[in-house]
């Protein structure tokens, strides 16, 4: 029986992906389920593990929003004995808050460094440690050569790396497998209920190697991401004065 063109392309992609840094043996079923429709943007419908992911932010506020989304992803990666390293120059993370995403504070090792060159070096060294679940680095600029070194490191160790860039001067080409941009959306509660609602984001996957970029309105509920098809406006009740 002659193979169809689609079957041939699928087999070729399966052979090529490992050469480009995609480790198919590292598929995380729990993560793929938790990502909802976002997973369909990736090759084979699997979130790429053992690669570098780049997040672009344009202000301190969007950095905070981005770290929230990243926390939701990390929660699916970390296991009972898993540990991750977070490297940055500013102490913007409040570890106990990550319990709302299912991450115990003692699972994160924080390293504070002042210079970006030091952050990049520390991240490269940390990514070589096979015992880690993930390494997260906060920096402004990332050259192609530096990103290539990081990508080579994860391809050997199979550790997943996340780079959060705050207000970069330019969106230069990097060797990262994905590039994201996360912005906040207003949460919503049923009328009359107290609280602030579930976290919501506009998740934009700007690029993904051999995948399909896209944008989704997402909220984090019960340890999972789910798509918000439409966000209804919150009605404003105006009391009319009488008499």
C-alpha atoms as a PDB file:
ATOM      1  CA  UNK A   1       0.000   0.000   0.000  1.00  0.00           C
ATOM      2  CA  UNK A   2       1.480   3.310  -1.052  1.00  0.00           C
ATOM      3  CA  UNK A   3       1.993   5.759   1.781  1.00  0.00           C
ATOM      4  CA  UNK A   4       0.179   9.030   1.453  1.00  0.00           C
ATOM      5  CA  UNK A   5       2.041  12.316   1.251  1.00  0.00           C
ATOM      6  CA  UNK A   6       0.830  13.210   4.760  1.00  0.00           C
ATOM      7  CA  UNK A   7       2.221   9.959   6.192  1.00  0.00           C
ATOM      8  CA  UNK A   8       5.598  10.585   4.566  1.00  0.00           C
ATOM      9  CA  UNK A   9       5.761  14.128   5.922  1.00  0.00           C
ATOM     10  CA  UNK A  10       4.761  12.923   9.407  1.00  0.00           C
ATOM     11  CA  UNK A  11       7.553  10.305   9.408  1.00  0.00           C
ATOM     12  CA  UNK A  12      10.110  12.837   8.197  1.00  0.00           C
ATOM     13  CA  UNK A  13       9.082  15.297  10.919  1.00  0.00           C
ATOM     14  CA  UNK A  14       9.393  12.563  13.536  1.00  0.00           C
ATOM     15  CA  UNK A  15      12.949  11.889  12.364  1.00  0.00           C
ATOM     16  CA  UNK A  16      13.903  15.571  12.104  1.00  0.00           C
ATOM     17  CA  UNK A  17      12.495  16.850  15.418  1.00  0.00           C
ATOM     18  CA  UNK A  18      15.139  15.151  17.630  1.00  0.00           C
ATOM     19  CA  UNK A  19      17.869  16.691  15.465  1.00  0.00           C
ATOM     20  CA  UNK A  20      16.375  20.140  16.109  1.00  0.00           C
ATOM     21  CA  UNK A  21      16.253  19.803  19.871  1.00  0.00           C
ATOM     22  CA  UNK A  22      12.801  18.248  20.364  1.00  0.00           C
ATOM     23  CA  UNK A  23      13.067  15.312  22.743  1.00  0.00           C
ATOM     24  CA  UNK A  24       9.980  13.248  22.006  1.00  0.00           C
ATOM     25  CA  UNK A  25      10.809  10.834  24.828  1.00  0.00           C
ATOM     26  CA  UNK A  26      10.254  13.704  27.284  1.00  0.00           C
ATOM     27  CA  UNK A  27       6.564  14.127  26.546  1.00  0.00           C
ATOM     28  CA  UNK A  28       4.645  15.146  29.664  1.00  0.00           C
ATOM     29  CA  UNK A  29       1.065  13.937  29.365  1.00  0.00           C
ATOM     30  CA  UNK A  30      -0.088  15.885  32.424  1.00  0.00           C
ATOM     31  CA  UNK A  31       1.336  19.112  31.038  1.00  0.00           C
ATOM     32  CA  UNK A  32      -0.170  18.568  27.598  1.00  0.00           C
ATOM     33  CA  UNK A  33      -3.608  17.974  29.137  1.00  0.00           C
ATOM     34  CA  UNK A  34      -3.271  20.998  31.399  1.00  0.00           C
ATOM     35  CA  UNK A  35      -2.383  23.296  28.481  1.00  0.00           C
ATOM     36  CA  UNK A  36      -5.681  22.706  26.734  1.00  0.00           C
ATOM     37  CA  UNK A  37      -5.791  24.114  23.180  1.00  0.00           C
ATOM     38  CA  UNK A  38      -2.285  25.604  23.417  1.00  0.00           C
ATOM     39  CA  UNK A  39      -0.695  22.162  23.029  1.00  0.00           C
ATOM     40  CA  UNK A  40      -2.020  21.897  19.465  1.00  0.00           C
ATOM     41  CA  UNK A  41       0.397  24.639  18.400  1.00  0.00           C
ATOM     42  CA  UNK A  42       3.421  22.409  19.054  1.00  0.00           C
ATOM     43  CA  UNK A  43       4.866  19.642  16.875  1.00  0.00           C
ATOM     44  CA  UNK A  44       3.085  16.403  17.673  1.00  0.00           C
ATOM     45  CA  UNK A  45       0.759  18.328  20.031  1.00  0.00           C
ATOM     46  CA  UNK A  46       3.354  18.099  22.818  1.00  0.00           C
ATOM     47  CA  UNK A  47       4.817  21.001  24.791  1.00  0.00           C
ATOM     48  CA  UNK A  48       8.560  21.032  23.922  1.00  0.00           C
ATOM     49  CA  UNK A  49      10.670  19.857  26.858  1.00  0.00           C
ATOM     50  CA  UNK A  50      14.450  19.890  27.066  1.00  0.00           C
ATOM     51  CA  UNK A  51      14.538  23.133  25.054  1.00  0.00           C
ATOM     52  CA  UNK A  52      14.718  26.889  25.666  1.00  0.00           C
ATOM     53  CA  UNK A  53      11.550  28.987  25.871  1.00  0.00           C
ATOM     54  CA  UNK A  54      11.745  32.787  25.559  1.00  0.00           C
ATOM     55  CA  UNK A  55       9.167  35.187  27.054  1.00  0.00           C
ATOM     56  CA  UNK A  56       9.027  38.857  26.071  1.00  0.00           C
ATOM     57  CA  UNK A  57       7.743  41.491  28.513  1.00  0.00           C
ATOM     58  CA  UNK A  58       7.629  45.256  28.099  1.00  0.00           C
ATOM     59  CA  UNK A  59       7.218  46.363  31.729  1.00  0.00           C
ATOM     60  CA  UNK A  60       7.527  45.190  35.321  1.00  0.00           C
ATOM     61  CA  UNK A  61       3.788  44.560  35.331  1.00  0.00           C
ATOM     62  CA  UNK A  62       3.924  42.191  32.367  1.00  0.00           C
ATOM     63  CA  UNK A  63       6.944  40.455  33.942  1.00  0.00           C
ATOM     64  CA  UNK A  64       4.736  39.691  36.947  1.00  0.00           C
ATOM     65  CA  UNK A  65       1.970  38.441  34.640  1.00  0.00           C
ATOM     66  CA  UNK A  66       4.461  36.295  32.728  1.00  0.00           C
ATOM     67  CA  UNK A  67       5.873  34.691  35.868  1.00  0.00           C
ATOM     68  CA  UNK A  68       2.335  33.708  36.820  1.00  0.00           C
ATOM     69  CA  UNK A  69       1.773  31.916  33.530  1.00  0.00           C
ATOM     70  CA  UNK A  70       5.200  30.278  33.748  1.00  0.00           C
ATOM     71  CA  UNK A  71       4.339  29.092  37.261  1.00  0.00           C
ATOM     72  CA  UNK A  72       1.271  27.340  35.873  1.00  0.00           C
ATOM     73  CA  UNK A  73       3.489  25.495  33.375  1.00  0.00           C
ATOM     74  CA  UNK A  74       6.154  24.661  35.967  1.00  0.00           C
ATOM     75  CA  UNK A  75       3.521  23.188  38.276  1.00  0.00           C
ATOM     76  CA  UNK A  76       2.912  20.476  35.689  1.00  0.00           C
ATOM     77  CA  UNK A  77       6.626  19.714  35.355  1.00  0.00           C
ATOM     78  CA  UNK A  78       7.701  19.489  38.965  1.00  0.00           C
ATOM     79  CA  UNK A  79       7.289  16.205  40.816  1.00  0.00           C
ATOM     80  CA  UNK A  80       7.489  15.356  44.520  1.00  0.00           C
ATOM     81  CA  UNK A  81      11.283  15.337  44.433  1.00  0.00           C
ATOM     82  CA  UNK A  82      11.744  17.916  41.678  1.00  0.00           C
ATOM     83  CA  UNK A  83      13.689  21.145  42.116  1.00  0.00           C
ATOM     84  CA  UNK A  84      14.094  24.204  39.903  1.00  0.00           C
ATOM     85  CA  UNK A  85      16.453  27.191  39.897  1.00  0.00           C
ATOM     86  CA  UNK A  86      15.330  30.800  39.405  1.00  0.00           C
ATOM     87  CA  UNK A  87      18.072  33.311  38.506  1.00  0.00           C
ATOM     88  CA  UNK A  88      17.620  37.066  38.347  1.00  0.00           C
ATOM     89  CA  UNK A  89      18.731  40.489  39.501  1.00  0.00           C
ATOM     90  CA  UNK A  90      15.518  41.588  41.233  1.00  0.00           C
ATOM     91  CA  UNK A  91      13.713  39.873  44.064  1.00  0.00           C
ATOM     92  CA  UNK A  92      10.255  40.178  42.531  1.00  0.00           C
ATOM     93  CA  UNK A  93       9.026  36.672  43.335  1.00  0.00           C
ATOM     94  CA  UNK A  94       7.023  35.957  46.493  1.00  0.00           C
ATOM     95  CA  UNK A  95       7.541  32.176  46.855  1.00  0.00           C
ATOM     96  CA  UNK A  96       4.502  31.414  49.068  1.00  0.00           C
ATOM     97  CA  UNK A  97       2.241  32.831  46.339  1.00  0.00           C
ATOM     98  CA  UNK A  98       3.288  29.959  44.088  1.00  0.00           C
ATOM     99  CA  UNK A  99       1.371  27.562  46.293  1.00  0.00           C
ATOM    100  CA  UNK A 100      -1.759  28.788  44.512  1.00  0.00           C
ATOM    101  CA  UNK A 101      -0.288  27.218  41.361  1.00  0.00           C
ATOM    102  CA  UNK A 102       0.629  24.000  43.162  1.00  0.00           C
ATOM    103  CA  UNK A 103       4.339  24.710  43.699  1.00  0.00           C
ATOM    104  CA  UNK A 104       5.787  24.444  47.205  1.00  0.00           C
ATOM    105  CA  UNK A 105       8.211  27.324  47.944  1.00  0.00           C
ATOM    106  CA  UNK A 106      10.995  24.945  48.957  1.00  0.00           C
ATOM    107  CA  UNK A 107      11.063  23.525  45.424  1.00  0.00           C
ATOM    108  CA  UNK A 108      12.606  26.730  44.052  1.00  0.00           C
ATOM    109  CA  UNK A 109      16.244  27.736  44.577  1.00  0.00           C
ATOM    110  CA  UNK A 110      16.688  31.474  44.018  1.00  0.00           C
ATOM    111  CA  UNK A 111      20.010  32.932  42.864  1.00  0.00           C
ATOM    112  CA  UNK A 112      20.345  36.731  42.882  1.00  0.00           C
ATOM    113  CA  UNK A 113      22.983  38.238  40.601  1.00  0.00           C
ATOM    114  CA  UNK A 114      23.452  41.858  39.548  1.00  0.00           C
ATOM    115  CA  UNK A 115      24.996  41.652  36.081  1.00  0.00           C
ATOM    116  CA  UNK A 116      23.297  40.056  33.101  1.00  0.00           C
ATOM    117  CA  UNK A 117      26.547  38.444  32.015  1.00  0.00           C
ATOM    118  CA  UNK A 118      26.629  36.673  35.373  1.00  0.00           C
ATOM    119  CA  UNK A 119      22.984  35.639  35.054  1.00  0.00           C
ATOM    120  CA  UNK A 120      23.581  34.154  31.609  1.00  0.00           C
ATOM    121  CA  UNK A 121      26.683  32.274  32.797  1.00  0.00           C
ATOM    122  CA  UNK A 122      24.900  30.915  35.884  1.00  0.00           C
ATOM    123  CA  UNK A 123      21.938  29.847  33.790  1.00  0.00           C
ATOM    124  CA  UNK A 124      24.146  27.971  31.334  1.00  0.00           C
ATOM    125  CA  UNK A 125      25.871  26.137  34.187  1.00  0.00           C
ATOM    126  CA  UNK A 126      22.575  25.329  35.906  1.00  0.00           C
ATOM    127  CA  UNK A 127      21.074  23.978  32.678  1.00  0.00           C
ATOM    128  CA  UNK A 128      23.853  21.394  32.557  1.00  0.00           C
ATOM    129  CA  UNK A 129      22.616  19.842  35.816  1.00  0.00           C
ATOM    130  CA  UNK A 130      20.491  16.841  34.861  1.00  0.00           C
ATOM    131  CA  UNK A 131      18.899  16.660  38.312  1.00  0.00           C
ATOM    132  CA  UNK A 132      16.906  19.851  37.817  1.00  0.00           C
ATOM    133  CA  UNK A 133      13.365  20.057  36.454  1.00  0.00           C
ATOM    134  CA  UNK A 134      13.759  23.545  35.017  1.00  0.00           C
ATOM    135  CA  UNK A 135      15.884  26.688  35.101  1.00  0.00           C
ATOM    136  CA  UNK A 136      14.344  30.151  34.839  1.00  0.00           C
ATOM    137  CA  UNK A 137      16.403  33.228  34.080  1.00  0.00           C
ATOM    138  CA  UNK A 138      15.379  36.898  34.091  1.00  0.00           C
ATOM    139  CA  UNK A 139      17.383  39.214  31.844  1.00  0.00           C
ATOM    140  CA  UNK A 140      16.888  42.026  29.379  1.00  0.00           C
ATOM    141  CA  UNK A 141      19.127  41.159  26.451  1.00  0.00           C
ATOM    142  CA  UNK A 142      19.965  37.794  24.937  1.00  0.00           C
ATOM    143  CA  UNK A 143      22.330  37.465  21.982  1.00  0.00           C
ATOM    144  CA  UNK A 144      22.033  34.680  19.456  1.00  0.00           C
ATOM    145  CA  UNK A 145      25.373  33.194  20.539  1.00  0.00           C
ATOM    146  CA  UNK A 146      24.332  33.174  24.195  1.00  0.00           C
ATOM    147  CA  UNK A 147      20.968  31.585  23.368  1.00  0.00           C
ATOM    148  CA  UNK A 148      22.726  28.965  21.277  1.00  0.00           C
ATOM    149  CA  UNK A 149      24.941  28.002  24.211  1.00  0.00           C
ATOM    150  CA  UNK A 150      21.871  27.656  26.405  1.00  0.00           C
ATOM    151  CA  UNK A 151      20.077  25.546  23.798  1.00  0.00           C
ATOM    152  CA  UNK A 152      23.101  23.261  23.437  1.00  0.00           C
ATOM    153  CA  UNK A 153      23.189  22.834  27.213  1.00  0.00           C
ATOM    154  CA  UNK A 154      19.551  21.705  27.451  1.00  0.00           C
ATOM    155  CA  UNK A 155      19.914  19.359  24.513  1.00  0.00           C
ATOM    156  CA  UNK A 156      22.520  17.476  26.545  1.00  0.00           C
ATOM    157  CA  UNK A 157      20.888  17.604  29.988  1.00  0.00           C
ATOM    158  CA  UNK A 158      17.204  17.496  28.902  1.00  0.00           C
ATOM    159  CA  UNK A 159      16.448  20.252  31.435  1.00  0.00           C
ATOM    160  CA  UNK A 160      13.806  22.749  30.252  1.00  0.00           C
ATOM    161  CA  UNK A 161      14.843  26.413  30.265  1.00  0.00           C
ATOM    162  CA  UNK A 162      12.718  29.564  30.501  1.00  0.00           C
ATOM    163  CA  UNK A 163      14.053  33.062  29.789  1.00  0.00           C
ATOM    164  CA  UNK A 164      11.962  36.068  30.809  1.00  0.00           C
ATOM    165  CA  UNK A 165      13.204  39.192  29.037  1.00  0.00           C
ATOM    166  CA  UNK A 166      12.095  42.501  30.531  1.00  0.00           C
ATOM    167  CA  UNK A 167      11.813  45.317  27.987  1.00  0.00           C
ATOM    168  CA  UNK A 168      14.516  44.161  25.530  1.00  0.00           C
ATOM    169  CA  UNK A 169      15.936  46.824  23.228  1.00  0.00           C
ATOM    170  CA  UNK A 170      15.172  44.707  20.171  1.00  0.00           C
ATOM    171  CA  UNK A 171      13.511  41.401  19.366  1.00  0.00           C
ATOM    172  CA  UNK A 172      16.620  39.861  17.877  1.00  0.00           C
ATOM    173  CA  UNK A 173      16.825  36.336  16.543  1.00  0.00           C
ATOM    174  CA  UNK A 174      17.636  33.710  19.166  1.00  0.00           C
ATOM    175  CA  UNK A 175      18.095  29.947  19.167  1.00  0.00           C
ATOM    176  CA  UNK A 176      15.147  29.455  21.538  1.00  0.00           C
ATOM    177  CA  UNK A 177      12.533  27.015  20.280  1.00  0.00           C
ATOM    178  CA  UNK A 178       9.599  29.247  21.241  1.00  0.00           C
ATOM    179  CA  UNK A 179       8.932  32.937  21.844  1.00  0.00           C
ATOM    180  CA  UNK A 180       5.941  34.017  23.948  1.00  0.00           C
ATOM    181  CA  UNK A 181       4.258  37.211  25.071  1.00  0.00           C
ATOM    182  CA  UNK A 182       1.859  37.147  28.012  1.00  0.00           C
ATOM    183  CA  UNK A 183      -0.469  39.991  28.971  1.00  0.00           C
ATOM    184  CA  UNK A 184      -3.146  40.201  31.634  1.00  0.00           C
ATOM    185  CA  UNK A 185      -6.898  39.967  31.217  1.00  0.00           C
ATOM    186  CA  UNK A 186      -9.492  41.016  33.741  1.00  0.00           C
ATOM    187  CA  UNK A 187     -10.836  38.086  35.715  1.00  0.00           C
ATOM    188  CA  UNK A 188     -14.536  37.571  36.259  1.00  0.00           C
ATOM    189  CA  UNK A 189     -16.627  36.159  39.073  1.00  0.00           C
ATOM    190  CA  UNK A 190     -20.304  35.272  39.141  1.00  0.00           C
ATOM    191  CA  UNK A 191     -22.290  38.306  40.139  1.00  0.00           C
ATOM    192  CA  UNK A 192     -22.389  38.797  43.885  1.00  0.00           C
ATOM    193  CA  UNK A 193     -19.413  36.524  44.643  1.00  0.00           C
ATOM    194  CA  UNK A 194     -16.452  38.003  46.561  1.00  0.00           C
ATOM    195  CA  UNK A 195     -12.817  37.685  45.536  1.00  0.00           C
ATOM    196  CA  UNK A 196     -10.696  38.471  42.511  1.00  0.00           C
ATOM    197  CA  UNK A 197     -11.451  35.495  40.278  1.00  0.00           C
ATOM    198  CA  UNK A 198      -9.132  33.089  38.493  1.00  0.00           C
ATOM    199  CA  UNK A 199      -5.936  34.362  36.819  1.00  0.00           C
ATOM    200  CA  UNK A 200      -6.490  35.187  33.158  1.00  0.00           C
ATOM    201  CA  UNK A 201      -3.986  35.918  30.418  1.00  0.00           C
ATOM    202  CA  UNK A 202      -3.760  36.733  26.746  1.00  0.00           C
ATOM    203  CA  UNK A 203      -1.244  34.070  25.716  1.00  0.00           C
ATOM    204  CA  UNK A 204       0.512  34.816  22.431  1.00  0.00           C
ATOM    205  CA  UNK A 205       2.878  32.244  20.998  1.00  0.00           C
ATOM    206  CA  UNK A 206       4.842  34.471  18.641  1.00  0.00           C
ATOM    207  CA  UNK A 207       7.011  31.735  17.196  1.00  0.00           C
ATOM    208  CA  UNK A 208       7.513  28.017  17.602  1.00  0.00           C
ATOM    209  CA  UNK A 209       9.894  25.887  15.619  1.00  0.00           C
ATOM    210  CA  UNK A 210       7.948  23.608  13.259  1.00  0.00           C
ATOM    211  CA  UNK A 211       4.700  24.567  14.983  1.00  0.00           C
ATOM    212  CA  UNK A 212       1.792  26.957  14.549  1.00  0.00           C
ATOM    213  CA  UNK A 213       1.936  30.308  16.373  1.00  0.00           C
ATOM    214  CA  UNK A 214      -1.318  31.526  17.827  1.00  0.00           C
ATOM    215  CA  UNK A 215      -3.070  33.535  20.512  1.00  0.00           C
ATOM    216  CA  UNK A 216      -5.507  32.411  23.201  1.00  0.00           C
ATOM    217  CA  UNK A 217      -7.475  33.894  26.094  1.00  0.00           C
ATOM    218  CA  UNK A 218      -6.628  31.539  28.943  1.00  0.00           C
ATOM    219  CA  UNK A 219      -7.478  31.221  32.625  1.00  0.00           C
ATOM    220  CA  UNK A 220      -5.952  28.962  35.286  1.00  0.00           C
ATOM    221  CA  UNK A 221      -8.540  26.898  37.147  1.00  0.00           C
ATOM    222  CA  UNK A 222      -8.028  23.838  39.397  1.00  0.00           C
ATOM    223  CA  UNK A 223      -4.439  23.386  38.302  1.00  0.00           C
ATOM    224  CA  UNK A 224      -5.175  23.622  34.568  1.00  0.00           C
ATOM    225  CA  UNK A 225      -5.317  26.160  31.782  1.00  0.00           C
ATOM    226  CA  UNK A 226      -8.635  26.506  30.015  1.00  0.00           C
ATOM    227  CA  UNK A 227      -9.648  28.690  27.111  1.00  0.00           C
ATOM    228  CA  UNK A 228     -11.967  31.602  27.668  1.00  0.00           C
ATOM    229  CA  UNK A 229     -14.041  31.720  24.505  1.00  0.00           C
ATOM    230  CA  UNK A 230     -15.511  35.080  25.318  1.00  0.00           C
ATOM    231  CA  UNK A 231     -15.109  37.416  28.220  1.00  0.00           C
ATOM    232  CA  UNK A 232     -18.435  39.079  28.910  1.00  0.00           C
ATOM    233  CA  UNK A 233     -18.405  42.603  30.164  1.00  0.00           C
ATOM    234  CA  UNK A 234     -19.131  43.107  33.838  1.00  0.00           C
ATOM    235  CA  UNK A 235     -22.424  44.989  34.023  1.00  0.00           C
ATOM    236  CA  UNK A 236     -22.343  48.335  35.749  1.00  0.00           C
ATOM    237  CA  UNK A 237     -25.272  48.893  38.004  1.00  0.00           C
ATOM    238  CA  UNK A 238     -26.188  52.535  38.178  1.00  0.00           C
ATOM    239  CA  UNK A 239     -28.521  53.652  40.878  1.00  0.00           C
ATOM    240  CA  UNK A 240     -30.868  56.307  39.728  1.00  0.00           C
ATOM    241  CA  UNK A 241     -31.805  58.913  42.190  1.00  0.00           C
ATOM    242  CA  UNK A 242     -35.493  59.456  42.540  1.00  0.00           C
ATOM    243  CA  UNK A 243     -37.422  62.304  43.954  1.00  0.00           C
END
